[in-house]
N, C-alpha and C. Protein backbone atom coordinates (compact mmCIF):
# COMPACT_ATOMS: atom_id res chain seq x y z
N MET A 1 -21.63 162.17 109.83
CA MET A 1 -20.49 162.10 110.62
C MET A 1 -21.63 161.36 111.98
N ILE A 2 -21.33 160.59 112.54
CA ILE A 2 -21.81 159.84 113.86
C ILE A 2 -21.31 160.91 114.91
N ASP A 3 -22.21 161.45 115.81
CA ASP A 3 -21.89 162.43 116.65
C ASP A 3 -22.21 161.67 118.10
N SER A 4 -21.05 161.15 118.66
CA SER A 4 -21.14 160.53 119.98
C SER A 4 -19.90 160.76 120.81
N PRO A 5 -20.09 161.41 122.25
CA PRO A 5 -19.05 161.54 122.93
C PRO A 5 -18.23 160.50 122.92
N GLN A 6 -18.53 159.37 123.25
CA GLN A 6 -18.04 158.19 123.42
C GLN A 6 -16.87 157.76 122.27
N LEU A 7 -17.06 158.30 121.01
CA LEU A 7 -16.26 157.93 120.12
C LEU A 7 -14.63 158.31 120.35
N ALA A 8 -14.53 159.38 121.00
CA ALA A 8 -13.05 159.69 121.35
C ALA A 8 -12.37 158.79 122.19
N ASP A 9 -13.36 157.85 123.07
CA ASP A 9 -12.52 157.08 123.67
C ASP A 9 -12.03 155.63 123.21
N LEU A 10 -12.36 155.72 122.00
CA LEU A 10 -11.92 154.47 121.33
C LEU A 10 -10.20 154.85 120.90
N THR A 11 -9.54 153.86 121.04
CA THR A 11 -8.27 154.01 121.14
C THR A 11 -7.43 154.35 119.90
N PHE A 12 -8.09 154.13 118.58
CA PHE A 12 -7.88 154.77 117.40
C PHE A 12 -8.32 155.68 116.73
N VAL A 13 -9.04 156.37 117.42
CA VAL A 13 -9.80 157.75 116.98
C VAL A 13 -9.02 158.96 117.65
N THR A 14 -8.75 159.90 116.85
CA THR A 14 -8.02 161.21 116.94
C THR A 14 -8.93 162.30 116.74
N LYS A 15 -8.66 163.36 117.52
CA LYS A 15 -9.28 164.52 117.11
C LYS A 15 -8.55 165.55 116.29
N ARG A 16 -9.23 165.86 115.42
CA ARG A 16 -8.40 167.05 114.43
C ARG A 16 -8.32 168.30 114.95
N GLU A 17 -7.59 169.34 114.45
CA GLU A 17 -7.58 170.53 114.79
C GLU A 17 -8.66 171.37 114.48
N ASP A 18 -9.73 170.96 113.78
CA ASP A 18 -11.17 171.48 113.53
C ASP A 18 -12.21 170.94 114.72
N GLY A 19 -11.55 170.15 115.46
CA GLY A 19 -12.51 169.68 116.39
C GLY A 19 -13.42 168.49 115.97
N THR A 20 -13.21 168.02 114.67
CA THR A 20 -13.91 166.66 114.34
C THR A 20 -13.02 165.46 114.65
N LEU A 21 -13.81 164.11 114.56
CA LEU A 21 -12.94 163.23 115.02
C LEU A 21 -12.51 162.40 113.64
N ASP A 22 -11.22 161.88 113.70
CA ASP A 22 -11.00 160.97 112.68
C ASP A 22 -11.09 159.52 113.15
N LEU A 23 -11.93 158.75 112.43
CA LEU A 23 -12.44 157.56 113.27
C LEU A 23 -11.33 156.35 112.85
N TRP A 24 -10.25 156.73 112.11
CA TRP A 24 -9.12 155.65 111.86
C TRP A 24 -7.71 156.02 111.93
N THR A 25 -7.16 156.22 112.86
CA THR A 25 -5.96 156.47 113.08
C THR A 25 -5.03 155.71 114.09
N PRO A 26 -4.95 154.18 113.75
CA PRO A 26 -4.59 153.48 114.45
C PRO A 26 -3.09 153.53 114.72
N GLU A 27 -2.44 153.01 115.71
CA GLU A 27 -1.05 152.74 115.73
C GLU A 27 -0.61 151.72 114.68
N ARG A 28 0.57 151.48 114.40
CA ARG A 28 0.86 150.94 113.02
C ARG A 28 2.33 150.32 113.41
N PRO A 29 2.44 149.12 114.35
CA PRO A 29 3.67 148.54 114.58
C PRO A 29 4.22 147.92 113.26
N ASP A 30 5.52 147.84 113.30
CA ASP A 30 6.25 147.18 111.94
C ASP A 30 5.90 145.56 112.06
N ASP A 31 5.61 145.12 113.18
CA ASP A 31 5.64 143.37 113.44
C ASP A 31 4.24 143.38 112.94
N TYR A 32 3.89 142.40 111.87
CA TYR A 32 2.71 142.34 111.32
C TYR A 32 1.75 141.40 112.34
N ALA A 33 2.38 140.44 113.09
CA ALA A 33 1.66 139.68 114.21
C ALA A 33 1.09 140.80 115.15
N ILE A 34 1.90 141.80 115.72
CA ILE A 34 1.36 142.65 116.43
C ILE A 34 0.43 143.68 115.89
N ALA A 35 0.54 144.09 114.71
CA ALA A 35 -0.29 144.80 114.02
C ALA A 35 -1.74 144.00 113.80
N ASN A 36 -1.74 143.09 113.47
CA ASN A 36 -2.99 142.19 113.23
C ASN A 36 -3.55 142.10 114.48
N ALA A 37 -2.95 141.82 115.70
CA ALA A 37 -3.64 141.64 116.94
C ALA A 37 -4.26 142.79 117.47
N MET A 38 -3.40 143.95 117.14
CA MET A 38 -4.02 145.29 117.67
C MET A 38 -5.26 145.65 117.03
N GLY A 39 -5.33 145.15 115.47
CA GLY A 39 -6.53 145.39 114.80
C GLY A 39 -7.88 144.59 115.32
N ARG A 40 -7.33 143.23 115.67
CA ARG A 40 -8.56 142.73 116.24
C ARG A 40 -9.06 143.25 117.63
N ASP A 41 -8.05 143.88 118.47
CA ASP A 41 -8.47 144.56 119.66
C ASP A 41 -9.38 145.62 119.14
N TYR A 42 -9.05 146.38 118.26
CA TYR A 42 -9.70 147.67 117.58
C TYR A 42 -11.10 147.21 117.25
N ALA A 43 -11.43 146.01 116.52
CA ALA A 43 -12.59 145.47 116.34
C ALA A 43 -13.45 145.20 117.60
N ALA A 44 -12.83 144.77 118.68
CA ALA A 44 -13.55 144.44 119.89
C ALA A 44 -13.88 145.54 120.52
N GLU A 45 -13.16 146.74 120.27
CA GLU A 45 -13.54 148.02 121.07
C GLU A 45 -14.77 148.64 119.92
N VAL A 46 -14.95 148.39 118.87
CA VAL A 46 -16.12 149.01 118.21
C VAL A 46 -17.27 148.14 118.38
N LEU A 47 -16.95 146.85 118.73
CA LEU A 47 -18.17 146.16 118.71
C LEU A 47 -18.74 146.29 120.11
N LEU A 48 -18.02 146.47 121.14
CA LEU A 48 -18.34 146.67 122.35
C LEU A 48 -19.16 148.03 122.36
N MET A 49 -18.37 149.13 121.94
CA MET A 49 -19.06 150.14 121.81
C MET A 49 -20.54 150.06 121.34
N MET A 50 -20.70 149.54 120.18
CA MET A 50 -21.79 149.49 119.36
C MET A 50 -22.89 148.70 120.22
N LYS A 51 -22.55 147.72 121.05
CA LYS A 51 -23.46 147.25 121.82
C LYS A 51 -23.73 147.98 123.12
N ASN A 52 -22.84 148.71 123.74
CA ASN A 52 -23.24 149.61 124.85
C ASN A 52 -23.94 150.84 124.51
N THR A 53 -23.71 151.07 123.23
CA THR A 53 -24.39 152.61 123.03
C THR A 53 -25.61 152.31 121.93
N ASN A 54 -25.70 151.16 121.59
CA ASN A 54 -27.05 150.75 120.81
C ASN A 54 -26.87 151.35 119.46
N ASN A 55 -25.69 151.48 118.82
CA ASN A 55 -25.31 152.21 118.02
C ASN A 55 -24.78 151.37 116.75
N PRO A 56 -25.29 150.59 115.87
CA PRO A 56 -24.79 149.83 114.84
C PRO A 56 -24.41 150.75 113.60
N ALA A 57 -24.52 152.06 113.64
CA ALA A 57 -24.23 152.85 112.56
C ALA A 57 -22.70 152.97 112.57
N LEU A 58 -22.00 152.83 113.91
CA LEU A 58 -20.44 153.05 114.19
C LEU A 58 -19.74 152.21 113.23
N PHE A 59 -20.32 151.13 112.98
CA PHE A 59 -19.78 150.06 112.20
C PHE A 59 -19.39 150.75 110.72
N GLY A 60 -20.44 151.16 110.08
CA GLY A 60 -20.32 151.78 108.72
C GLY A 60 -19.29 153.15 108.87
N ALA A 61 -19.36 154.14 109.81
CA ALA A 61 -18.63 155.04 109.95
C ALA A 61 -17.16 154.52 109.98
N VAL A 62 -16.67 153.58 110.89
CA VAL A 62 -15.44 153.29 110.92
C VAL A 62 -14.95 152.61 109.69
N ILE A 63 -15.77 151.85 108.95
CA ILE A 63 -15.39 151.37 107.63
C ILE A 63 -15.13 152.17 106.76
N ARG A 64 -15.91 153.22 106.67
CA ARG A 64 -15.83 154.45 105.67
C ARG A 64 -14.47 155.13 106.04
N ALA A 65 -14.04 155.28 107.24
CA ALA A 65 -12.69 155.89 107.63
C ALA A 65 -11.47 155.06 107.12
N ILE A 66 -11.80 153.66 107.38
CA ILE A 66 -10.67 152.93 106.85
C ILE A 66 -10.45 152.90 105.34
N VAL A 67 -11.62 152.91 104.84
CA VAL A 67 -11.67 153.20 103.24
C VAL A 67 -10.82 154.15 102.80
N ARG A 68 -11.16 155.32 103.44
CA ARG A 68 -10.70 156.77 103.23
C ARG A 68 -9.09 156.61 103.43
N SER A 69 -8.80 155.82 104.49
CA SER A 69 -7.37 155.85 104.92
C SER A 69 -6.58 155.44 103.88
N GLY A 70 -6.90 154.62 102.88
CA GLY A 70 -6.11 153.99 101.73
C GLY A 70 -5.14 153.14 102.22
N GLU A 71 -5.25 152.70 103.44
CA GLU A 71 -4.38 151.51 103.83
C GLU A 71 -4.91 150.23 104.23
N TYR A 72 -4.41 149.39 103.78
CA TYR A 72 -5.00 147.86 104.09
C TYR A 72 -3.75 146.93 104.42
N SER A 73 -3.35 146.90 105.71
CA SER A 73 -2.15 146.06 106.18
C SER A 73 -2.46 145.30 107.25
N GLY A 74 -1.64 144.81 108.29
CA GLY A 74 -1.90 144.11 109.27
C GLY A 74 -3.13 144.61 110.24
N VAL A 75 -2.91 145.84 110.48
CA VAL A 75 -4.13 146.32 111.51
C VAL A 75 -5.41 146.14 110.78
N GLU A 76 -5.68 146.59 109.57
CA GLU A 76 -6.88 146.67 109.05
C GLU A 76 -7.24 144.92 108.83
N ILE A 77 -6.18 144.22 108.54
CA ILE A 77 -6.63 142.65 108.43
C ILE A 77 -7.08 142.22 109.56
N GLY A 78 -6.34 142.73 110.57
CA GLY A 78 -6.82 141.89 112.16
C GLY A 78 -8.19 142.55 112.40
N PHE A 79 -8.21 143.71 111.99
CA PHE A 79 -9.77 144.59 112.48
C PHE A 79 -10.94 143.64 111.62
N CYS A 80 -10.66 143.39 110.51
CA CYS A 80 -11.82 142.75 109.76
C CYS A 80 -11.86 141.27 110.12
N HIS A 81 -10.73 140.72 110.34
CA HIS A 81 -10.68 139.19 111.06
C HIS A 81 -11.46 139.34 112.41
N GLY A 82 -11.24 140.21 113.11
CA GLY A 82 -11.96 140.36 114.57
C GLY A 82 -13.40 140.50 114.27
N LEU A 83 -13.97 141.23 113.50
CA LEU A 83 -15.38 141.38 113.16
C LEU A 83 -16.00 140.08 112.63
N GLY A 84 -15.24 139.54 111.85
CA GLY A 84 -15.57 138.09 111.16
C GLY A 84 -16.01 137.14 112.07
N VAL A 85 -14.78 137.17 112.92
CA VAL A 85 -14.77 136.11 114.18
C VAL A 85 -16.33 136.25 115.12
N GLU A 86 -16.27 137.52 115.28
CA GLU A 86 -17.41 137.86 116.20
C GLU A 86 -18.74 137.63 115.48
N LEU A 87 -18.93 138.17 114.24
CA LEU A 87 -20.11 137.91 113.35
C LEU A 87 -20.31 136.47 113.05
N ALA A 88 -19.34 135.43 112.92
CA ALA A 88 -19.54 134.07 112.81
C ALA A 88 -19.69 133.32 113.95
N GLY A 89 -19.62 133.95 115.27
CA GLY A 89 -19.99 133.40 116.44
C GLY A 89 -18.86 132.42 116.80
N LEU A 90 -17.39 132.48 116.06
CA LEU A 90 -16.40 131.71 116.59
C LEU A 90 -15.75 131.99 117.84
N ASN A 91 -15.12 130.89 118.43
CA ASN A 91 -14.34 131.18 119.54
C ASN A 91 -13.04 131.10 119.49
N ILE A 92 -12.12 131.90 118.77
CA ILE A 92 -10.89 132.00 118.67
C ILE A 92 -9.95 132.57 119.53
N LYS A 93 -9.01 132.04 119.95
CA LYS A 93 -8.11 132.66 120.89
C LYS A 93 -7.12 133.44 120.26
N ARG A 94 -6.47 134.48 120.93
CA ARG A 94 -5.23 135.05 120.30
C ARG A 94 -4.06 134.06 120.24
N ALA A 95 -3.25 134.11 119.06
CA ALA A 95 -2.11 133.49 119.26
C ALA A 95 -0.97 134.26 119.38
N VAL A 96 -0.98 135.73 119.27
CA VAL A 96 -0.22 136.69 119.63
C VAL A 96 -0.67 137.84 120.50
N PRO A 97 -0.60 138.29 121.57
CA PRO A 97 -1.13 139.09 122.56
C PRO A 97 -0.73 140.66 121.83
N SER A 98 -1.67 141.43 121.99
CA SER A 98 -1.42 142.76 121.41
C SER A 98 -0.81 143.70 122.71
N ARG A 99 -0.60 144.93 122.31
CA ARG A 99 -0.28 145.71 123.50
C ARG A 99 -1.47 146.79 123.76
N SER A 100 -2.77 146.32 123.32
CA SER A 100 -3.83 147.18 123.78
C SER A 100 -3.95 146.89 125.21
N LYS A 101 -4.71 147.75 125.84
CA LYS A 101 -5.28 147.70 127.17
C LYS A 101 -6.79 147.03 127.21
N GLN A 102 -7.27 147.18 126.00
CA GLN A 102 -8.64 146.71 125.88
C GLN A 102 -8.90 145.03 126.16
N PRO A 103 -9.60 144.57 126.69
CA PRO A 103 -9.98 143.07 126.85
C PRO A 103 -10.41 142.75 125.43
N PRO A 104 -10.11 141.51 125.12
CA PRO A 104 -10.97 140.88 123.93
C PRO A 104 -12.37 140.74 124.11
N LEU A 105 -13.15 140.99 123.04
CA LEU A 105 -14.61 140.99 123.24
C LEU A 105 -15.29 140.10 124.04
N ALA A 106 -14.82 138.78 123.88
CA ALA A 106 -15.29 137.53 124.52
C ALA A 106 -15.05 137.81 126.17
N ASP A 107 -13.97 138.55 126.46
CA ASP A 107 -13.66 138.55 127.98
C ASP A 107 -14.33 139.63 128.66
N ALA A 108 -14.90 140.73 127.82
CA ALA A 108 -15.43 141.91 128.24
C ALA A 108 -17.08 141.73 128.51
N ALA A 109 -17.29 142.34 129.89
CA ALA A 109 -18.44 141.94 130.26
C ALA A 109 -19.23 143.07 130.44
């Protein structure tokens, strides 16, 4: 497990009763488009934290938590899409705004 106090600041992370962090407990709206947009926002959060903390291992920790969750729906699809867009260096604008308070990665400085 990656030990970083900033991890608890990610909007999709929750603290368990034993004090450890669950790195994948996203909100799951019923609307696919909103869930997908939220997943892209979550990806932007992870990428920004990785850059700000110089901690690329965070990526693997979150992916492991996603796999353990056993879910792959709108949120996870959006998360993977957001990562793919960033990794490919594409400049794709959101079609559907999410409810996240986090700016898209391209707009964050």
